[in-house]
Amino acid sequence: MTDPKLDDATTYEIFKTLEADPNLSQRDLSNSMGVSLGKVNYCLKALIAKGWIKAKILKKAPTKPATPTS
C-alpha cells in the first residue's frame, strides 16, 4: 500500500526544490511547495527512513524562542 501523503508528485517536488537550494529549512520548503509544514516534515522523515535523502541536524538558532518548560 502506498502512502497518500508521500505520492510521486510530492516526492519529485521535494527533490526538485532541494536540488535548487539544499539549505532550505522545512518551513522554507513548505512555503516554496505550497504545502503545510506538517506534510513536509512527514514526507522528509519518510524519505530519510527510506534512505533516499540525508539530513543534518543544526544547532538551535539563537533567534528561536526557548522551549517552554512546565
PDB file of N, CA and C in Angstrom:
ATOM      1  N   MET A   1       0.848  -1.185   0.000  1.00  0.00           N
ATOM      2  CA  MET A   1       0.000   0.000   0.000  1.00  0.00           C
ATOM      3  C   MET A   1       0.885   1.237   0.000  1.00  0.00           C
ATOM      4  N   THR A   2       0.533   2.202  -0.823  1.00  0.00           N
ATOM      5  CA  THR A   2       1.326   3.423  -0.887  1.00  0.00           C
ATOM      6  C   THR A   2       0.775   4.454   0.075  1.00  0.00           C
ATOM      7  N   ASP A   3       1.645   5.346   0.466  1.00  0.00           N
ATOM      8  CA  ASP A   3       1.277   6.397   1.402  1.00  0.00           C
ATOM      9  C   ASP A   3       0.735   7.591   0.625  1.00  0.00           C
ATOM     10  N   PRO A   4      -0.519   7.990   0.847  1.00  0.00           N
ATOM     11  CA  PRO A   4      -1.087   9.102   0.076  1.00  0.00           C
ATOM     12  C   PRO A   4      -0.385  10.433   0.324  1.00  0.00           C
ATOM     13  N   LYS A   5       0.241  10.600   1.500  1.00  0.00           N
ATOM     14  CA  LYS A   5       0.942  11.846   1.782  1.00  0.00           C
ATOM     15  C   LYS A   5       2.264  11.931   1.029  1.00  0.00           C
ATOM     16  N   LEU A   6       2.839  10.763   0.706  1.00  0.00           N
ATOM     17  CA  LEU A   6       4.128  10.716   0.037  1.00  0.00           C
ATOM     18  C   LEU A   6       3.945  10.130  -1.360  1.00  0.00           C
ATOM     19  N   ASP A   7       3.178  10.821  -2.198  1.00  0.00           N
ATOM     20  CA  ASP A   7       2.975  10.359  -3.563  1.00  0.00           C
ATOM     21  C   ASP A   7       4.168  10.766  -4.429  1.00  0.00           C
ATOM     22  N   ASP A   8       4.191  10.276  -5.656  1.00  0.00           N
ATOM     23  CA  ASP A   8       5.310  10.558  -6.557  1.00  0.00           C
ATOM     24  C   ASP A   8       5.467  12.048  -6.839  1.00  0.00           C
ATOM     25  N   ALA A   9       4.357  12.757  -6.978  1.00  0.00           N
ATOM     26  CA  ALA A   9       4.423  14.191  -7.277  1.00  0.00           C
ATOM     27  C   ALA A   9       5.057  14.957  -6.118  1.00  0.00           C
ATOM     28  N   THR A  10       4.682  14.614  -4.889  1.00  0.00           N
ATOM     29  CA  THR A  10       5.252  15.280  -3.719  1.00  0.00           C
ATOM     30  C   THR A  10       6.735  14.966  -3.592  1.00  0.00           C
ATOM     31  N   THR A  11       7.091  13.701  -3.787  1.00  0.00           N
ATOM     32  CA  THR A  11       8.492  13.301  -3.712  1.00  0.00           C
ATOM     33  C   THR A  11       9.315  14.054  -4.755  1.00  0.00           C
ATOM     34  N   TYR A  12       8.813  14.112  -5.978  1.00  0.00           N
ATOM     35  CA  TYR A  12       9.517  14.826  -7.049  1.00  0.00           C
ATOM     36  C   TYR A  12       9.681  16.299  -6.702  1.00  0.00           C
ATOM     37  N   GLU A  13       8.625  16.916  -6.196  1.00  0.00           N
ATOM     38  CA  GLU A  13       8.669  18.341  -5.855  1.00  0.00           C
ATOM     39  C   GLU A  13       9.698  18.604  -4.748  1.00  0.00           C
ATOM     40  N   ILE A  14       9.767  17.729  -3.760  1.00  0.00           N
ATOM     41  CA  ILE A  14      10.758  17.868  -2.693  1.00  0.00           C
ATOM     42  C   ILE A  14      12.162  17.773  -3.267  1.00  0.00           C
ATOM     43  N   PHE A  15      12.405  16.742  -4.101  1.00  0.00           N
ATOM     44  CA  PHE A  15      13.733  16.581  -4.697  1.00  0.00           C
ATOM     45  C   PHE A  15      14.107  17.776  -5.566  1.00  0.00           C
ATOM     46  N   LYS A  16      13.174  18.233  -6.389  1.00  0.00           N
ATOM     47  CA  LYS A  16      13.434  19.356  -7.294  1.00  0.00           C
ATOM     48  C   LYS A  16      13.736  20.634  -6.513  1.00  0.00           C
ATOM     49  N   THR A  17      12.962  20.893  -5.463  1.00  0.00           N
ATOM     50  CA  THR A  17      13.140  22.098  -4.668  1.00  0.00           C
ATOM     51  C   THR A  17      14.447  22.049  -3.889  1.00  0.00           C
ATOM     52  N   LEU A  18      14.761  20.896  -3.305  1.00  0.00           N
ATOM     53  CA  LEU A  18      16.007  20.770  -2.542  1.00  0.00           C
ATOM     54  C   LEU A  18      17.235  20.770  -3.451  1.00  0.00           C
ATOM     55  N   GLU A  19      17.089  20.295  -4.683  1.00  0.00           N
ATOM     56  CA  GLU A  19      18.209  20.346  -5.621  1.00  0.00           C
ATOM     57  C   GLU A  19      18.565  21.800  -5.935  1.00  0.00           C
ATOM     58  N   ALA A  20      17.545  22.639  -6.074  1.00  0.00           N
ATOM     59  CA  ALA A  20      17.768  24.052  -6.364  1.00  0.00           C
ATOM     60  C   ALA A  20      18.409  24.769  -5.172  1.00  0.00           C
ATOM     61  N   ASP A  21      18.017  24.390  -3.960  1.00  0.00           N
ATOM     62  CA  ASP A  21      18.587  25.005  -2.749  1.00  0.00           C
ATOM     63  C   ASP A  21      18.591  23.984  -1.617  1.00  0.00           C
ATOM     64  N   PRO A  22      19.701  23.243  -1.473  1.00  0.00           N
ATOM     65  CA  PRO A  22      19.753  22.183  -0.464  1.00  0.00           C
ATOM     66  C   PRO A  22      19.762  22.678   0.978  1.00  0.00           C
ATOM     67  N   ASN A  23      19.920  23.966   1.189  1.00  0.00           N
ATOM     68  CA  ASN A  23      19.990  24.510   2.545  1.00  0.00           C
ATOM     69  C   ASN A  23      18.657  25.060   3.043  1.00  0.00           C
ATOM     70  N   LEU A  24      17.574  24.774   2.349  1.00  0.00           N
ATOM     71  CA  LEU A  24      16.260  25.257   2.777  1.00  0.00           C
ATOM     72  C   LEU A  24      15.852  24.632   4.102  1.00  0.00           C
ATOM     73  N   SER A  25      15.198  25.416   4.920  1.00  0.00           N
ATOM     74  CA  SER A  25      14.601  24.863   6.138  1.00  0.00           C
ATOM     75  C   SER A  25      13.284  24.182   5.750  1.00  0.00           C
ATOM     76  N   GLN A  26      12.747  23.408   6.665  1.00  0.00           N
ATOM     77  CA  GLN A  26      11.454  22.777   6.398  1.00  0.00           C
ATOM     78  C   GLN A  26      10.381  23.832   6.156  1.00  0.00           C
ATOM     79  N   ARG A  27      10.437  24.917   6.901  1.00  0.00           N
ATOM     80  CA  ARG A  27       9.450  25.992   6.735  1.00  0.00           C
ATOM     81  C   ARG A  27       9.569  26.619   5.350  1.00  0.00           C
ATOM     82  N   ASP A  28      10.807  26.894   4.912  1.00  0.00           N
ATOM     83  CA  ASP A  28      11.018  27.468   3.582  1.00  0.00           C
ATOM     84  C   ASP A  28      10.563  26.494   2.494  1.00  0.00           C
ATOM     85  N   LEU A  29      10.841  25.218   2.708  1.00  0.00           N
ATOM     86  CA  LEU A  29      10.430  24.198   1.746  1.00  0.00           C
ATOM     87  C   LEU A  29       8.911  24.132   1.644  1.00  0.00           C
ATOM     88  N   SER A  30       8.229  24.192   2.776  1.00  0.00           N
ATOM     89  CA  SER A  30       6.762  24.140   2.750  1.00  0.00           C
ATOM     90  C   SER A  30       6.184  25.371   2.062  1.00  0.00           C
ATOM     91  N   ASN A  31       6.773  26.545   2.315  1.00  0.00           N
ATOM     92  CA  ASN A  31       6.307  27.766   1.650  1.00  0.00           C
ATOM     93  C   ASN A  31       6.549  27.693   0.150  1.00  0.00           C
ATOM     94  N   SER A  32       7.696  27.190  -0.248  1.00  0.00           N
ATOM     95  CA  SER A  32       8.042  27.077  -1.662  1.00  0.00           C
ATOM     96  C   SER A  32       7.123  26.104  -2.394  1.00  0.00           C
ATOM     97  N   MET A  33       6.775  25.013  -1.729  1.00  0.00           N
ATOM     98  CA  MET A  33       5.932  23.989  -2.345  1.00  0.00           C
ATOM     99  C   MET A  33       4.445  24.289  -2.220  1.00  0.00           C
ATOM    100  N   GLY A  34       4.083  25.175  -1.304  1.00  0.00           N
ATOM    101  CA  GLY A  34       2.675  25.484  -1.094  1.00  0.00           C
ATOM    102  C   GLY A  34       1.929  24.405  -0.344  1.00  0.00           C
ATOM    103  N   VAL A  35       2.648  23.690   0.554  1.00  0.00           N
ATOM    104  CA  VAL A  35       2.019  22.665   1.384  1.00  0.00           C
ATOM    105  C   VAL A  35       2.300  22.979   2.847  1.00  0.00           C
ATOM    106  N   SER A  36       1.633  22.272   3.732  1.00  0.00           N
ATOM    107  CA  SER A  36       1.797  22.542   5.157  1.00  0.00           C
ATOM    108  C   SER A  36       3.171  22.102   5.654  1.00  0.00           C
ATOM    109  N   LEU A  37       3.605  22.731   6.712  1.00  0.00           N
ATOM    110  CA  LEU A  37       4.864  22.365   7.349  1.00  0.00           C
ATOM    111  C   LEU A  37       4.807  20.929   7.853  1.00  0.00           C
ATOM    112  N   GLY A  38       3.667  20.515   8.375  1.00  0.00           N
ATOM    113  CA  GLY A  38       3.495  19.152   8.860  1.00  0.00           C
ATOM    114  C   GLY A  38       3.668  18.117   7.755  1.00  0.00           C
ATOM    115  N   LYS A  39       3.137  18.406   6.563  1.00  0.00           N
ATOM    116  CA  LYS A  39       3.280  17.472   5.438  1.00  0.00           C
ATOM    117  C   LYS A  39       4.745  17.369   5.027  1.00  0.00           C
ATOM    118  N   VAL A  40       5.446  18.499   4.971  1.00  0.00           N
ATOM    119  CA  VAL A  40       6.867  18.470   4.618  1.00  0.00           C
ATOM    120  C   VAL A  40       7.644  17.667   5.647  1.00  0.00           C
ATOM    121  N   ASN A  41       7.371  17.882   6.925  1.00  0.00           N
ATOM    122  CA  ASN A  41       8.056  17.148   7.982  1.00  0.00           C
ATOM    123  C   ASN A  41       7.810  15.648   7.838  1.00  0.00           C
ATOM    124  N   TYR A  42       6.562  15.263   7.645  1.00  0.00           N
ATOM    125  CA  TYR A  42       6.186  13.854   7.488  1.00  0.00           C
ATOM    126  C   TYR A  42       6.900  13.240   6.286  1.00  0.00           C
ATOM    127  N   CYS A  43       6.866  13.930   5.157  1.00  0.00           N
ATOM    128  CA  CYS A  43       7.472  13.408   3.928  1.00  0.00           C
ATOM    129  C   CYS A  43       8.986  13.313   4.044  1.00  0.00           C
ATOM    130  N   LEU A  44       9.622  14.315   4.632  1.00  0.00           N
ATOM    131  CA  LEU A  44      11.070  14.260   4.797  1.00  0.00           C
ATOM    132  C   LEU A  44      11.473  13.098   5.698  1.00  0.00           C
ATOM    133  N   LYS A  45      10.735  12.880   6.779  1.00  0.00           N
ATOM    134  CA  LYS A  45      11.035  11.750   7.660  1.00  0.00           C
ATOM    135  C   LYS A  45      10.906  10.433   6.909  1.00  0.00           C
ATOM    136  N   ALA A  46       9.884  10.315   6.064  1.00  0.00           N
ATOM    137  CA  ALA A  46       9.686   9.086   5.293  1.00  0.00           C
ATOM    138  C   ALA A  46      10.819   8.885   4.287  1.00  0.00           C
ATOM    139  N   LEU A  47      11.244   9.951   3.629  1.00  0.00           N
ATOM    140  CA  LEU A  47      12.333   9.849   2.654  1.00  0.00           C
ATOM    141  C   LEU A  47      13.667   9.549   3.329  1.00  0.00           C
ATOM    142  N   ILE A  48      13.867  10.087   4.519  1.00  0.00           N
ATOM    143  CA  ILE A  48      15.076   9.784   5.294  1.00  0.00           C
ATOM    144  C   ILE A  48      15.058   8.316   5.710  1.00  0.00           C
ATOM    145  N   ALA A  49      13.905   7.821   6.167  1.00  0.00           N
ATOM    146  CA  ALA A  49      13.781   6.427   6.591  1.00  0.00           C
ATOM    147  C   ALA A  49      14.037   5.468   5.424  1.00  0.00           C
ATOM    148  N   LYS A  50      13.644   5.866   4.212  1.00  0.00           N
ATOM    149  CA  LYS A  50      13.879   5.042   3.034  1.00  0.00           C
ATOM    150  C   LYS A  50      15.332   5.124   2.565  1.00  0.00           C
ATOM    151  N   GLY A  51      16.072   6.096   3.091  1.00  0.00           N
ATOM    152  CA  GLY A  51      17.463   6.275   2.688  1.00  0.00           C
ATOM    153  C   GLY A  51      17.618   7.073   1.404  1.00  0.00           C
ATOM    154  N   TRP A  52      16.579   7.756   0.968  1.00  0.00           N
ATOM    155  CA  TRP A  52      16.617   8.497  -0.282  1.00  0.00           C
ATOM    156  C   TRP A  52      17.245   9.875  -0.118  1.00  0.00           C
ATOM    157  N   ILE A  53      17.185  10.427   1.095  1.00  0.00           N
ATOM    158  CA  ILE A  53      17.842  11.705   1.370  1.00  0.00           C
ATOM    159  C   ILE A  53      18.529  11.614   2.723  1.00  0.00           C
ATOM    160  N   LYS A  54      19.476  12.501   2.920  1.00  0.00           N
ATOM    161  CA  LYS A  54      20.152  12.620   4.203  1.00  0.00           C
ATOM    162  C   LYS A  54      19.908  14.028   4.716  1.00  0.00           C
ATOM    163  N   ALA A  55      19.827  14.151   6.011  1.00  0.00           N
ATOM    164  CA  ALA A  55      19.612  15.456   6.622  1.00  0.00           C
ATOM    165  C   ALA A  55      20.605  15.626   7.750  1.00  0.00           C
ATOM    166  N   LYS A  56      20.977  16.852   7.985  1.00  0.00           N
ATOM    167  CA  LYS A  56      21.853  17.119   9.122  1.00  0.00           C
ATOM    168  C   LYS A  56      21.076  17.923  10.146  1.00  0.00           C
ATOM    169  N   ILE A  57      21.406  17.697  11.385  1.00  0.00           N
ATOM    170  CA  ILE A  57      20.759  18.402  12.480  1.00  0.00           C
ATOM    171  C   ILE A  57      21.595  19.633  12.794  1.00  0.00           C
ATOM    172  N   LEU A  58      20.938  20.748  12.835  1.00  0.00           N
ATOM    173  CA  LEU A  58      21.620  22.004  13.124  1.00  0.00           C
ATOM    174  C   LEU A  58      21.359  22.417  14.562  1.00  0.00           C
ATOM    175  N   LYS A  59      22.246  23.198  15.096  1.00  0.00           N
ATOM    176  CA  LYS A  59      22.025  23.731  16.441  1.00  0.00           C
ATOM    177  C   LYS A  59      20.847  24.688  16.404  1.00  0.00           C
ATOM    178  N   LYS A  60      20.204  24.820  17.534  1.00  0.00           N
ATOM    179  CA  LYS A  60      19.063  25.720  17.630  1.00  0.00           C
ATOM    180  C   LYS A  60      19.501  27.143  17.316  1.00  0.00           C
ATOM    181  N   ALA A  61      18.763  27.797  16.469  1.00  0.00           N
ATOM    182  CA  ALA A  61      19.077  29.168  16.090  1.00  0.00           C
ATOM    183  C   ALA A  61      18.932  30.085  17.311  1.00  0.00           C
ATOM    184  N   PRO A  62      19.830  31.042  17.470  1.00  0.00           N
ATOM    185  CA  PRO A  62      19.743  31.927  18.630  1.00  0.00           C
ATOM    186  C   PRO A  62      18.478  32.777  18.648  1.00  0.00           C
ATOM    187  N   THR A  63      17.843  32.966  17.484  1.00  0.00           N
ATOM    188  CA  THR A  63      16.631  33.772  17.432  1.00  0.00           C
ATOM    189  C   THR A  63      15.369  32.953  17.697  1.00  0.00           C
ATOM    190  N   LYS A  64      15.510  31.619  17.753  1.00  0.00           N
ATOM    191  CA  LYS A  64      14.358  30.768  18.017  1.00  0.00           C
ATOM    192  C   LYS A  64      14.036  30.798  19.508  1.00  0.00           C
ATOM    193  N   PRO A  65      12.769  30.974  19.852  1.00  0.00           N
ATOM    194  CA  PRO A  65      12.412  31.006  21.280  1.00  0.00           C
ATOM    195  C   PRO A  65      12.694  29.676  21.973  1.00  0.00           C
ATOM    196  N   ALA A  66      13.021  29.756  23.209  1.00  0.00           N
ATOM    197  CA  ALA A  66      13.301  28.554  24.002  1.00  0.00           C
ATOM    198  C   ALA A  66      12.019  27.750  24.171  1.00  0.00           C
ATOM    199  N   THR A  67      12.168  26.455  24.292  1.00  0.00           N
ATOM    200  CA  THR A  67      11.018  25.583  24.513  1.00  0.00           C
ATOM    201  C   THR A  67      10.532  25.789  25.941  1.00  0.00           C
ATOM    202  N   PRO A  68       9.238  26.069  26.105  1.00  0.00           N
ATOM    203  CA  PRO A  68       8.721  26.284  27.457  1.00  0.00           C
ATOM    204  C   PRO A  68       8.783  24.997  28.287  1.00  0.00           C
ATOM    205  N   THR A  69       9.062  25.156  29.546  1.00  0.00           N
ATOM    206  CA  THR A  69       9.089  24.012  30.460  1.00  0.00           C
ATOM    207  C   THR A  69       7.964  24.157  31.464  1.00  0.00           C
ATOM    208  N   SER A  70       7.539  23.044  32.019  1.00  0.00           N
ATOM    209  CA  SER A  70       6.426  23.076  32.984  1.00  0.00           C
ATOM    210  C   SER A  70       6.857  23.576  34.321  1.00  0.00           C
TER     211      SER A  70
END
